[in-house]
C-alpha atoms as a PDB file:
ATOM      1  CA  MET A   1       0.000   0.000   0.000  1.00  0.00           C
ATOM      2  CA  VAL A   2       2.858   2.369   0.883  1.00  0.00           C
ATOM      3  CA  LYS A   3       4.592   1.714  -2.430  1.00  0.00           C
ATOM      4  CA  TYR A   4       1.328   2.259  -4.332  1.00  0.00           C
ATOM      5  CA  PHE A   5       0.808   5.569  -2.575  1.00  0.00           C
ATOM      6  CA  LEU A   6       4.346   6.654  -3.421  1.00  0.00           C
ATOM      7  CA  TYR A   7       3.937   5.767  -7.079  1.00  0.00           C
ATOM      8  CA  ILE A   8       0.828   7.978  -7.228  1.00  0.00           C
ATOM      9  CA  CYS A   9       2.750  10.796  -5.512  1.00  0.00           C
ATOM     10  CA  LEU A  10       5.625  10.541  -7.947  1.00  0.00           C
ATOM     11  CA  PHE A  11       3.355  10.371 -10.994  1.00  0.00           C
ATOM     12  CA  TYR A  12       1.321  13.437 -10.096  1.00  0.00           C
ATOM     13  CA  SER A  13       4.271  15.385  -8.615  1.00  0.00           C
ATOM     14  CA  PHE A  14       2.433  16.639  -5.566  1.00  0.00           C
ATOM     15  CA  CYS A  15       4.119  14.817  -2.706  1.00  0.00           C
ATOM     16  CA  PHE A  16       7.808  14.102  -2.619  1.00  0.00           C
ATOM     17  CA  ALA A  17       8.703  14.148   1.058  1.00  0.00           C
ATOM     18  CA  GLN A  18       7.442  12.065   3.943  1.00  0.00           C
ATOM     19  CA  TRP A  19       8.328  10.119   7.070  1.00  0.00           C
ATOM     20  CA  PHE A  20       8.837   6.375   7.019  1.00  0.00           C
ATOM     21  CA  ASP A  21       8.876   3.771   9.769  1.00  0.00           C
ATOM     22  CA  LEU A  22      11.340   0.901   9.619  1.00  0.00           C
ATOM     23  CA  ASN A  23      11.431  -1.921  12.139  1.00  0.00           C
ATOM     24  CA  TYR A  24      15.060  -2.931  12.448  1.00  0.00           C
ATOM     25  CA  GLN A  25      16.083  -5.703  14.833  1.00  0.00           C
ATOM     26  CA  GLY A  26      12.891  -5.291  16.817  1.00  0.00           C
ATOM     27  CA  THR A  27      13.229  -1.516  17.216  1.00  0.00           C
ATOM     28  CA  ASN A  28      10.944   0.897  15.402  1.00  0.00           C
ATOM     29  CA  ARG A  29      13.139   3.468  13.674  1.00  0.00           C
ATOM     30  CA  THR A  30      12.138   6.424  11.509  1.00  0.00           C
ATOM     31  CA  TYR A  31      13.575   8.440   8.662  1.00  0.00           C
ATOM     32  CA  TYR A  32      12.459  11.305   6.427  1.00  0.00           C
ATOM     33  CA  VAL A  33      12.964  11.339   2.655  1.00  0.00           C
ATOM     34  CA  ALA A  34      12.871  14.438   0.460  1.00  0.00           C
ATOM     35  CA  TYR A  35      12.913  13.460  -3.231  1.00  0.00           C
ATOM     36  CA  PRO A  36      13.464  15.999  -6.051  1.00  0.00           C
ATOM     37  CA  ASN A  37      10.102  16.734  -7.631  1.00  0.00           C
ATOM     38  CA  ASN A  38      11.343  17.260 -11.192  1.00  0.00           C
ATOM     39  CA  SER A  39      13.532  14.191 -11.515  1.00  0.00           C
ATOM     40  CA  SER A  40      13.514  12.681 -14.999  1.00  0.00           C
ATOM     41  CA  GLU A  41      16.007   9.928 -14.139  1.00  0.00           C
ATOM     42  CA  PRO A  42      16.976   7.979 -11.015  1.00  0.00           C
ATOM     43  CA  ALA A  43      18.091  10.377  -8.286  1.00  0.00           C
ATOM     44  CA  GLY A  44      21.196  10.032  -6.179  1.00  0.00           C
ATOM     45  CA  LEU A  45      20.824   9.914  -2.406  1.00  0.00           C
ATOM     46  CA  ILE A  46      22.461  11.796   0.472  1.00  0.00           C
ATOM     47  CA  ILE A  47      22.229  10.399   4.009  1.00  0.00           C
ATOM     48  CA  ASN A  48      22.288  13.437   6.332  1.00  0.00           C
ATOM     49  CA  MET A  49      22.732  12.606  10.031  1.00  0.00           C
ATOM     50  CA  HIS A  50      22.081  14.803  13.074  1.00  0.00           C
ATOM     51  CA  GLY A  51      24.330  15.233  16.081  1.00  0.00           C
ATOM     52  CA  PHE A  52      24.187  13.822  19.628  1.00  0.00           C
ATOM     53  CA  GLY A  53      20.834  14.626  21.190  1.00  0.00           C
ATOM     54  CA  GLY A  54      19.553  15.939  17.883  1.00  0.00           C
ATOM     55  CA  THR A  55      16.675  14.973  15.636  1.00  0.00           C
ATOM     56  CA  ALA A  56      16.096  14.333  11.974  1.00  0.00           C
ATOM     57  CA  ALA A  57      13.666  17.263  11.933  1.00  0.00           C
ATOM     58  CA  GLY A  58      16.325  19.519  13.380  1.00  0.00           C
ATOM     59  CA  GLN A  59      18.807  18.388  10.745  1.00  0.00           C
ATOM     60  CA  ILE A  60      16.299  19.160   7.990  1.00  0.00           C
ATOM     61  CA  SER A  61      15.820  22.740   9.157  1.00  0.00           C
ATOM     62  CA  GLY A  62      19.388  23.216  10.350  1.00  0.00           C
ATOM     63  CA  THR A  63      21.108  22.251   7.090  1.00  0.00           C
ATOM     64  CA  GLN A  64      18.513  23.169   4.438  1.00  0.00           C
ATOM     65  CA  MET A  65      20.231  20.578   2.278  1.00  0.00           C
ATOM     66  CA  ASN A  66      17.197  19.918   0.083  1.00  0.00           C
ATOM     67  CA  ASN A  67      17.678  23.352  -1.468  1.00  0.00           C
ATOM     68  CA  TYR A  68      21.126  22.361  -2.728  1.00  0.00           C
ATOM     69  CA  ALA A  69      20.634  18.636  -3.354  1.00  0.00           C
ATOM     70  CA  HIS A  70      17.424  18.664  -5.381  1.00  0.00           C
ATOM     71  CA  PRO A  71      18.749  20.836  -8.250  1.00  0.00           C
ATOM     72  CA  GLU A  72      21.542  18.253  -8.601  1.00  0.00           C
ATOM     73  CA  ASN A  73      18.945  15.449  -8.800  1.00  0.00           C
ATOM     74  CA  LEU A  74      19.820  14.214  -5.326  1.00  0.00           C
ATOM     75  CA  ALA A  75      17.281  12.986  -2.805  1.00  0.00           C
ATOM     76  CA  VAL A  76      18.077  13.472   0.876  1.00  0.00           C
ATOM     77  CA  VAL A  77      17.250  11.103   3.712  1.00  0.00           C
ATOM     78  CA  TYR A  78      17.343  12.310   7.302  1.00  0.00           C
ATOM     79  CA  PRO A  79      17.464   9.243   9.578  1.00  0.00           C
ATOM     80  CA  GLN A  80      16.543   9.492  13.232  1.00  0.00           C
ATOM     81  CA  GLY A  81      19.097   8.256  15.761  1.00  0.00           C
ATOM     82  CA  ALA A  82      17.763   5.854  18.377  1.00  0.00           C
ATOM     83  CA  ASN A  83      17.393   6.725  22.040  1.00  0.00           C
ATOM     84  CA  SER A  84      20.514   5.769  23.976  1.00  0.00           C
ATOM     85  CA  SER A  85      20.644   4.158  27.412  1.00  0.00           C
ATOM     86  CA  ILE A  86      20.405   7.633  28.976  1.00  0.00           C
ATOM     87  CA  GLY A  87      17.423   8.604  26.811  1.00  0.00           C
ATOM     88  CA  THR A  88      19.349  10.870  24.441  1.00  0.00           C
ATOM     89  CA  THR A  89      19.370  10.279  20.698  1.00  0.00           C
ATOM     90  CA  SER A  90      22.733   9.215  19.316  1.00  0.00           C
ATOM     91  CA  TRP A  91      24.618   7.179  16.749  1.00  0.00           C
ATOM     92  CA  ASN A  92      26.679   4.209  17.921  1.00  0.00           C
ATOM     93  CA  ILE A  93      30.257   4.934  16.871  1.00  0.00           C
ATOM     94  CA  GLY A  94      31.939   2.817  19.546  1.00  0.00           C
ATOM     95  CA  THR A  95      32.782   5.486  22.096  1.00  0.00           C
ATOM     96  CA  PHE A  96      31.926   5.893  25.762  1.00  0.00           C
ATOM     97  CA  TRP A  97      29.763   8.968  25.276  1.00  0.00           C
ATOM     98  CA  ASP A  98      27.205   7.719  22.728  1.00  0.00           C
ATOM     99  CA  PHE A  99      25.663   5.330  25.318  1.00  0.00           C
ATOM    100  CA  SER A 100      24.389   3.154  22.476  1.00  0.00           C
ATOM    101  CA  ALA A 101      24.526  -0.506  21.524  1.00  0.00           C
ATOM    102  CA  GLN A 102      22.469  -0.048  18.355  1.00  0.00           C
ATOM    103  CA  ASP A 103      23.627  -1.557  15.070  1.00  0.00           C
ATOM    104  CA  ASP A 104      23.413   1.761  13.252  1.00  0.00           C
ATOM    105  CA  VAL A 105      25.520   0.578  10.318  1.00  0.00           C
ATOM    106  CA  GLY A 106      22.993  -2.174   9.707  1.00  0.00           C
ATOM    107  CA  PHE A 107      20.091   0.218  10.198  1.00  0.00           C
ATOM    108  CA  LEU A 108      21.448   2.710   7.657  1.00  0.00           C
ATOM    109  CA  SER A 109      22.134  -0.085   5.196  1.00  0.00           C
ATOM    110  CA  ALA A 110      18.497  -1.151   5.597  1.00  0.00           C
ATOM    111  CA  VAL A 111      17.384   2.468   5.101  1.00  0.00           C
ATOM    112  CA  ILE A 112      19.169   2.591   1.737  1.00  0.00           C
ATOM    113  CA  ASP A 113      17.459  -0.643   0.679  1.00  0.00           C
ATOM    114  CA  ASP A 114      14.068   0.554   1.893  1.00  0.00           C
ATOM    115  CA  ILE A 115      14.323   3.868   0.044  1.00  0.00           C
ATOM    116  CA  ALA A 116      15.461   2.128  -3.129  1.00  0.00           C
ATOM    117  CA  SER A 117      12.350  -0.082  -2.953  1.00  0.00           C
ATOM    118  CA  ASN A 118      10.063   2.967  -2.778  1.00  0.00           C
ATOM    119  CA  PHE A 119      11.844   5.586  -4.891  1.00  0.00           C
ATOM    120  CA  ASP A 120      13.782   5.618  -8.145  1.00  0.00           C
ATOM    121  CA  ILE A 121      17.346   5.780  -6.773  1.00  0.00           C
ATOM    122  CA  ASN A 122      20.688   5.609  -8.561  1.00  0.00           C
ATOM    123  CA  LEU A 123      22.559   3.324  -6.178  1.00  0.00           C
ATOM    124  CA  ASN A 124      25.877   4.380  -7.694  1.00  0.00           C
ATOM    125  CA  ARG A 125      25.299   7.889  -6.292  1.00  0.00           C
ATOM    126  CA  VAL A 126      24.745   7.327  -2.576  1.00  0.00           C
ATOM    127  CA  TYR A 127      26.595   9.648  -0.180  1.00  0.00           C
ATOM    128  CA  ALA A 128      26.769  10.139   3.590  1.00  0.00           C
ATOM    129  CA  CYS A 129      27.291  13.259   5.671  1.00  0.00           C
ATOM    130  CA  GLY A 130      26.606  14.339   9.214  1.00  0.00           C
ATOM    131  CA  PHE A 131      27.166  16.852  11.972  1.00  0.00           C
ATOM    132  CA  SER A 132      29.098  16.152  15.198  1.00  0.00           C
ATOM    133  CA  ASN A 133      28.033  12.639  16.301  1.00  0.00           C
ATOM    134  CA  GLY A 134      26.581  12.309  12.791  1.00  0.00           C
ATOM    135  CA  GLY A 135      30.006  13.247  11.408  1.00  0.00           C
ATOM    136  CA  TYR A 136      31.581  10.512  13.510  1.00  0.00           C
ATOM    137  CA  MET A 137      28.957   8.148  12.081  1.00  0.00           C
ATOM    138  CA  THR A 138      29.938   9.236   8.578  1.00  0.00           C
ATOM    139  CA  TYR A 139      33.484   8.037   9.229  1.00  0.00           C
ATOM    140  CA  GLU A 140      32.065   4.801  10.657  1.00  0.00           C
ATOM    141  CA  LEU A 141      30.215   4.251   7.391  1.00  0.00           C
ATOM    142  CA  ALA A 142      33.369   5.002   5.391  1.00  0.00           C
ATOM    143  CA  CYS A 143      34.877   1.941   7.011  1.00  0.00           C
ATOM    144  CA  GLU A 144      31.840  -0.294   7.327  1.00  0.00           C
ATOM    145  CA  LEU A 145      29.468   0.525   4.441  1.00  0.00           C
ATOM    146  CA  SER A 146      31.641   1.637   1.530  1.00  0.00           C
ATOM    147  CA  ASP A 147      30.115  -1.114  -0.605  1.00  0.00           C
ATOM    148  CA  LYS A 148      26.894   0.959  -0.676  1.00  0.00           C
ATOM    149  CA  ILE A 149      28.098   4.532  -0.135  1.00  0.00           C
ATOM    150  CA  THR A 150      30.362   6.337  -2.598  1.00  0.00           C
ATOM    151  CA  ALA A 151      31.742   9.345  -0.698  1.00  0.00           C
ATOM    152  CA  PHE A 152      31.633  10.819   2.783  1.00  0.00           C
ATOM    153  CA  GLY A 153      31.456  14.233   4.468  1.00  0.00           C
ATOM    154  CA  SER A 154      31.965  15.062   8.141  1.00  0.00           C
ATOM    155  CA  VAL A 155      31.113  18.388   9.756  1.00  0.00           C
ATOM    156  CA  ALA A 156      32.682  18.819  13.224  1.00  0.00           C
ATOM    157  CA  GLY A 157      32.918  15.064  13.687  1.00  0.00           C
ATOM    158  CA  ASN A 158      36.103  13.058  14.183  1.00  0.00           C
ATOM    159  CA  PHE A 159      37.107   9.538  13.153  1.00  0.00           C
ATOM    160  CA  MET A 160      36.585   6.952  15.900  1.00  0.00           C
ATOM    161  CA  LEU A 161      38.873   4.165  14.696  1.00  0.00           C
ATOM    162  CA  ASN A 162      37.960   1.236  16.928  1.00  0.00           C
ATOM    163  CA  SER A 163      39.957  -1.957  17.390  1.00  0.00           C
ATOM    164  CA  ASN A 164      37.117  -4.078  15.981  1.00  0.00           C
ATOM    165  CA  GLN A 165      36.474  -1.807  13.017  1.00  0.00           C
ATOM    166  CA  ASP A 166      36.942  -3.184   9.511  1.00  0.00           C
ATOM    167  CA  CYS A 167      38.441  -0.511   7.262  1.00  0.00           C
ATOM    168  CA  ASN A 168      39.895  -2.995   4.780  1.00  0.00           C
ATOM    169  CA  ASN A 169      37.930  -1.583   1.873  1.00  0.00           C
ATOM    170  CA  ASP A 170      38.784  -2.720  -1.628  1.00  0.00           C
ATOM    171  CA  ARG A 171      38.479   0.744  -3.168  1.00  0.00           C
ATOM    172  CA  GLU A 172      39.556   4.333  -2.573  1.00  0.00           C
ATOM    173  CA  ILE A 173      37.424   6.423  -0.215  1.00  0.00           C
ATOM    174  CA  PRO A 174      36.713  10.127  -1.010  1.00  0.00           C
ATOM    175  CA  ILE A 175      36.195  12.302   2.084  1.00  0.00           C
ATOM    176  CA  ILE A 176      35.500  15.962   2.862  1.00  0.00           C
ATOM    177  CA  HIS A 177      35.847  17.253   6.426  1.00  0.00           C
ATOM    178  CA  PHE A 178      34.747  20.690   7.737  1.00  0.00           C
ATOM    179  CA  HIS A 179      35.955  21.736  11.191  1.00  0.00           C
ATOM    180  CA  GLY A 180      36.383  24.893  13.244  1.00  0.00           C
ATOM    181  CA  THR A 181      39.663  25.400  15.066  1.00  0.00           C
ATOM    182  CA  ASN A 182      37.847  26.774  18.148  1.00  0.00           C
ATOM    183  CA  ASP A 183      35.402  23.868  18.385  1.00  0.00           C
ATOM    184  CA  PRO A 184      34.837  23.420  22.161  1.00  0.00           C
ATOM    185  CA  THR A 185      32.980  20.113  21.783  1.00  0.00           C
ATOM    186  CA  VAL A 186      34.908  17.990  19.260  1.00  0.00           C
ATOM    187  CA  ASP A 187      38.647  18.636  19.329  1.00  0.00           C
ATOM    188  CA  TYR A 188      40.224  20.087  16.227  1.00  0.00           C
ATOM    189  CA  SER A 189      43.797  19.341  17.290  1.00  0.00           C
ATOM    190  CA  PRO A 190      45.152  16.223  18.999  1.00  0.00           C
ATOM    191  CA  PRO A 191      44.896  14.764  21.503  1.00  0.00           C
ATOM    192  CA  SER A 192      41.137  14.270  21.364  1.00  0.00           C
ATOM    193  CA  PHE A 193      39.071  13.807  24.528  1.00  0.00           C
ATOM    194  CA  ASP A 194      37.772  10.422  23.333  1.00  0.00           C
ATOM    195  CA  GLN A 195      40.846   9.042  21.523  1.00  0.00           C
ATOM    196  CA  ALA A 196      39.229   9.651  18.137  1.00  0.00           C
ATOM    197  CA  LEU A 197      41.464  10.645  15.248  1.00  0.00           C
ATOM    198  CA  THR A 198      41.346  14.413  14.825  1.00  0.00           C
ATOM    199  CA  VAL A 199      41.478  16.149  11.447  1.00  0.00           C
ATOM    200  CA  SER A 200      45.233  15.964  10.897  1.00  0.00           C
ATOM    201  CA  GLU A 201      45.306  12.336  12.029  1.00  0.00           C
ATOM    202  CA  SER A 202      42.389  11.478   9.733  1.00  0.00           C
ATOM    203  CA  ILE A 203      44.204  13.155   6.844  1.00  0.00           C
ATOM    204  CA  ASP A 204      47.262  11.017   7.550  1.00  0.00           C
ATOM    205  CA  TYR A 205      45.192   7.823   7.846  1.00  0.00           C
ATOM    206  CA  TRP A 206      43.153   8.275   4.680  1.00  0.00           C
ATOM    207  CA  SER A 207      46.024   9.707   2.659  1.00  0.00           C
ATOM    208  CA  GLU A 208      47.963   6.539   3.374  1.00  0.00           C
ATOM    209  CA  PHE A 209      44.890   4.386   2.751  1.00  0.00           C
ATOM    210  CA  ASN A 210      44.223   6.043  -0.611  1.00  0.00           C
ATOM    211  CA  SER A 211      47.924   6.535  -1.470  1.00  0.00           C
ATOM    212  CA  LEU A 212      47.435  10.294  -1.788  1.00  0.00           C
ATOM    213  CA  ASP A 213      50.869  11.826  -2.248  1.00  0.00           C
ATOM    214  CA  LEU A 214      50.080  15.371  -3.432  1.00  0.00           C
ATOM    215  CA  GLU A 215      48.674  18.375  -1.594  1.00  0.00           C
ATOM    216  CA  SER A 216      47.213  21.720  -2.663  1.00  0.00           C
ATOM    217  CA  TYR A 217      46.248  24.758  -0.606  1.00  0.00           C
ATOM    218  CA  GLU A 218      43.778  27.600  -1.140  1.00  0.00           C
ATOM    219  CA  ALA A 219      42.946  30.502   1.147  1.00  0.00           C
ATOM    220  CA  LEU A 220      39.241  31.010   0.562  1.00  0.00           C
ATOM    221  CA  ASN A 221      39.306  34.127   2.739  1.00  0.00           C
ATOM    222  CA  SER A 222      41.054  35.355   5.892  1.00  0.00           C
ATOM    223  CA  ASN A 223      39.311  32.680   8.000  1.00  0.00           C
ATOM    224  CA  VAL A 224      38.946  29.632   5.776  1.00  0.00           C
ATOM    225  CA  GLU A 225      41.741  27.481   4.393  1.00  0.00           C
ATOM    226  CA  ILE A 226      41.111  24.588   2.011  1.00  0.00           C
ATOM    227  CA  TYR A 227      43.553  21.682   1.915  1.00  0.00           C
ATOM    228  CA  THR A 228      43.210  19.044  -0.782  1.00  0.00           C
ATOM    229  CA  TYR A 229      45.097  15.750  -0.743  1.00  0.00           C
ATOM    230  CA  PHE A 230      45.149  13.827  -4.014  1.00  0.00           C
ATOM    231  CA  LYS A 231      47.210  11.865  -6.537  1.00  0.00           C
ATOM    232  CA  GLU A 232      47.620  12.107 -10.282  1.00  0.00           C
ATOM    233  CA  SER A 233      46.343   8.622 -11.068  1.00  0.00           C
ATOM    234  CA  SER A 234      42.892   9.048  -9.480  1.00  0.00           C
ATOM    235  CA  SER A 235      40.085  11.534  -8.853  1.00  0.00           C
ATOM    236  CA  THR A 236      39.884  10.481  -5.200  1.00  0.00           C
ATOM    237  CA  GLN A 237      40.569  13.288  -2.748  1.00  0.00           C
ATOM    238  CA  PHE A 238      40.537  14.126   0.933  1.00  0.00           C
ATOM    239  CA  VAL A 239      39.393  17.760   1.181  1.00  0.00           C
ATOM    240  CA  HIS A 240      39.601  19.686   4.444  1.00  0.00           C
ATOM    241  CA  TYR A 241      37.960  23.049   5.148  1.00  0.00           C
ATOM    242  CA  LYS A 242      39.844  24.516   8.106  1.00  0.00           C
ATOM    243  CA  VAL A 243      37.701  27.265   9.622  1.00  0.00           C
ATOM    244  CA  ASN A 244      39.939  29.424  11.790  1.00  0.00           C
ATOM    245  CA  GLY A 245      37.907  30.615  14.751  1.00  0.00           C
ATOM    246  CA  GLY A 246      34.992  28.351  13.873  1.00  0.00           C
ATOM    247  CA  GLN A 247      32.967  26.825  16.675  1.00  0.00           C
ATOM    248  CA  HIS A 248      30.943  23.593  16.855  1.00  0.00           C
ATOM    249  CA  GLU A 249      28.681  24.408  13.938  1.00  0.00           C
ATOM    250  CA  TRP A 250      27.339  23.716  10.474  1.00  0.00           C
ATOM    251  CA  PHE A 251      29.025  26.505   8.526  1.00  0.00           C
ATOM    252  CA  TRP A 252      26.966  29.018   6.571  1.00  0.00           C
ATOM    253  CA  ASN A 253      27.595  31.850   4.123  1.00  0.00           C
ATOM    254  CA  SER A 254      28.972  34.177   6.778  1.00  0.00           C
ATOM    255  CA  TRP A 255      32.176  32.148   6.575  1.00  0.00           C
ATOM    256  CA  GLY A 256      32.404  32.583   2.795  1.00  0.00           C
ATOM    257  CA  PHE A 257      31.057  29.164   1.888  1.00  0.00           C
ATOM    258  CA  ASN A 258      28.008  26.986   2.542  1.00  0.00           C
ATOM    259  CA  THR A 259      28.550  23.530   4.017  1.00  0.00           C
ATOM    260  CA  SER A 260      25.354  22.106   2.548  1.00  0.00           C
ATOM    261  CA  GLN A 261      26.286  23.276  -0.925  1.00  0.00           C
END
């Protein structure tokens, strides 16, 4: 019945965004999909994840990503993190402060499958991004779900490389990481409060992983520096927006660029 309803919506172009329920491992989880309403071919998909204690609804309004994704024929899904053991929403990235035992990698994999069964999705154009705890989760997916997700973007979220984490991917992993140097919540410089890899350490890890041996630098303005790590034989890059003076935030035009864009 749900699929039939969606087909009607897509045919008549009057409803392209709605909430979905998904029972995963006995827990009822939710997510919100916003699909481009003028798509003439299968749309790509961005997974956009909120921070610790946040909500999918808050991530929708706080990032306004639909405005930038839809013109590029990209749908956006905003999944809702589950309640942790202390009653706060979070993503399980294997650290002491997320208070979660949820299989969020499996849940997000199931979300991709569920969306693809209801919408016309180009599964070769699936991307993940997130803020804070959602940025940590993005790195988790870069290790654990790169067979389904093409590229990854973290905003103010570090890389929690756990001892039981499988990062033995069989392909190169493109990453973009935005971070403010004055972030009081998630450390910009090492050592991190939770033993996660900070930006420079992530750059070293993924540059070695992807065999990136070249670096370029651009000063976007007096506050924002862009570092790009790459190699001549591939289009894969690790791009870092260093926001001098930036706090724990999703960066907007006042900084000279727009994170969502």
